[in-house]
Structures are given as C-alpha cells and as structure tokens.
Amino acid sequence: MHDVFISYSKSDNLAADAACAALENAGIRCWIAPRNVHSGYYWAEQIVNAIDDCRVMVLIFSAAANISSQVLREVEKAIRKGTPIHPVRIENVEPTKSMEHFLHSLHWLDALTPPLERHLQILCKDVKAYLDNHSEPDRADNGPQSEIDSGAVSASDIVRSPREGGSVDKQRQPFISPIRRHWWPIAALLALLAICGSGAIYFLASSRVNCETASDCNELGHAYNDKKQWDDAIRAFKKAIDLDSNAADYLNLGWAYNGKHEWDLAVNAFSKTIQLDPNPNDPNLAAAFVDRGYAYAAQKNWSRAIADYDEAIRVDPEYASAFYYRGESKQALGDTLGSQADKAEAHKINPKDF
C-alpha cells in the first residue's frame, strides 16, 4: 500500500522523481507512474485504483501540468474522493479555469527558486504532519452486508441441533406451511404492492439519494461510482439533471451506465453531453467522445467507436487515451499497422501511462 499519489506531466519527470525520492527517504510510501504501473493490466484502472488507495496527492504543477488533460482528471478524481492535494508549483504560471476550479482554495507550496531540494523538505514535513494527524483508514470494503453475512441470521437461529442440548420429538409432527398459517397478512402485502406498483419501488430506491442541490447530488453520485454502486450513482446523477441539467451531469450519468455495462443508455447520455456542450475548448467534449467510443467498442461497433475517437482527437490532439483506444479498435478490425501507430502516438504523448 502507499500513502501518496504523485500527479505530474511527463515533461516534469525529473521534479516528480525528486519529490518521490525525498518523500520515500522520509518514510512516506509513494505511488508514481511509470514505476508502479504493472504490465498486463489496464493503465487507466491502475491509475484510478492508486488514487483510490492514496491518503494524499502531491501535484507537481507546471505549465505542462496546467494544460494536461490527464493531470486534470487525476486532480478531479482526488477532489471527488475528498483526498487532500498538496500542489508544488515549480513554474510561475496561473492555473487554467478548469484547474482553478479544483485548486482555488488550496495552500500552494511555491518551489520556484532553486534548490528544489529545500522546498521538498518542506513538502515532506507538511505531508508527514498530515499523515501523523490522520489515522490510516480501513481500506477493506465496508459496504452493506446481507443479514446472513452480518450475523443477523444464522443456522442456529433456524434449526437447533440436538448436540446443542436441544431435544427432538421422535414423533414427527404434521407440517403446516407458514404460508397457509399466515395467509392473510401475505395476501394483504401482495395486494398493497400491486396497488402501489412501481411507485413504492421507486420510493424505496430513491430514499438512498439524499441530496438537495445538483452539486451535492453529483458528489453523492461520484461517491457511489467509486464504490461501484451503479444503480445508486445513476439515481443521484439523474436527480442532479432534474435539478440543473448540464453537459457535465450527463457525462457523469454516462460513466455510471458504462460502469454498469448498460451501453445503449451510456451512448445516449454521452450523446446528450455532446449536444449540450459543442465548445471545443471544454475538456468534457473530448471526454464524451472518448467515453461514447468506449461504449460503442464494448458493443463491438468498431467503426462508430473509431469515428468517436477521431472526433476526440480533433477536439484535443493531445488526448492520449483517444489514440490508445482507437488503436484497440483498429486492432479488432485487423488493422495492425494502424493500431501500432496509434498506440505509439499515445505513448509519445503520455509515456508514463501508455
């Protein structure tokens, strides 16, 4: 396990490696790509898992990181998880609007004047103080359990064994079905359910979505997404859309549908994002094309997937994921050379992840 996830642009690998070395020399465990990326597994899944498992994110902030869509997604993921971020500014640049949205209220460590090592000592002290004052959370899945799993009902509650001191009447008693014995309350319950219909079911399901503003509903949906509780996430995002419909809300909804493998509904949600947000300067647009392409690819609709990856690259020519997944789709169609070229371009743009 690790304490710190280090987010950085490939252009700043020397500064990121120096930060990693300083933190680990101080006894703080770090996760950094490409060192901790394992072959044979999807890189994106490893990034997400590493951010989920970290207690602190250290952001190496520079002009390159400022415009990196990958760094922005990592920062957004940490913010959604409630993970504290320690930004280390190594170049004197102002955050973009998207980056400022996530980082505006944070304390920055300016490391503009050499030597860098002096600033990293302060970073180590700050991170160590936070870790010492915040106990390490239980990383096990503490999701809801069934009554049987939680011990509310056990075999001993149902059948008492003679070995436990109970007695067994040798004369077999006639069996009376519980349904026959208690037929009228069961019939009443069935009638009530028939009358209430889907309304009762919806009420029971929606009671888990406790939010009053679109922002709160989105945060709740992301929390459910992180736990892979897709149905709850979908209800939260739908409520956010009801309160304040915008492109980002539909993008979130599409992610939840993708997680649940409901590909057609995911396609519809991403299409709505594209319809509502045609601005090529908004990173949501490129992300919507990539994610809709992923949903098409999951349905083996390779040509439509490639068309969406083409659009994502047109909007953001530095979108490494679009090149990589387009390469995957080309490979599925037998275009080995095209696949290799796209994956090489993805590696060129973002060698730490591809």
Foldseek 3Di string as FASTA:
>chain_A
DFAEEEFEAPVCVVLSVLLCVLLVVLVGGYDYFPVNPDPPDALVVVLLVRLLQYQEYEYADDPRLLPDPVSLVSLVSNVLNVRYYAYEYQYPDDHDPSVCVRPVPDDYQYQPDDDSVVSSVVVSVVSVVVPVVDDRDDPDDPDDDDCVVVVVDDPCVVDPDVVVVDDDDPPDDDDDDPCVVPVVVVVVVVVVCVVCPVVVVCVVLCVVQDDDELVVLQSVLSVCVSVLVLSSSLSSLVVSCVRPNALVSLQSNLSSCVSVLVLVSSLVSLVVSCVRDVDLVDLSNLVSLQSNLVSCVVVVVLVSSLVSLVVSCVSPVLPLSSLQVNLVSCVVVVNPVSSVVSNVSSCVSGVRRD
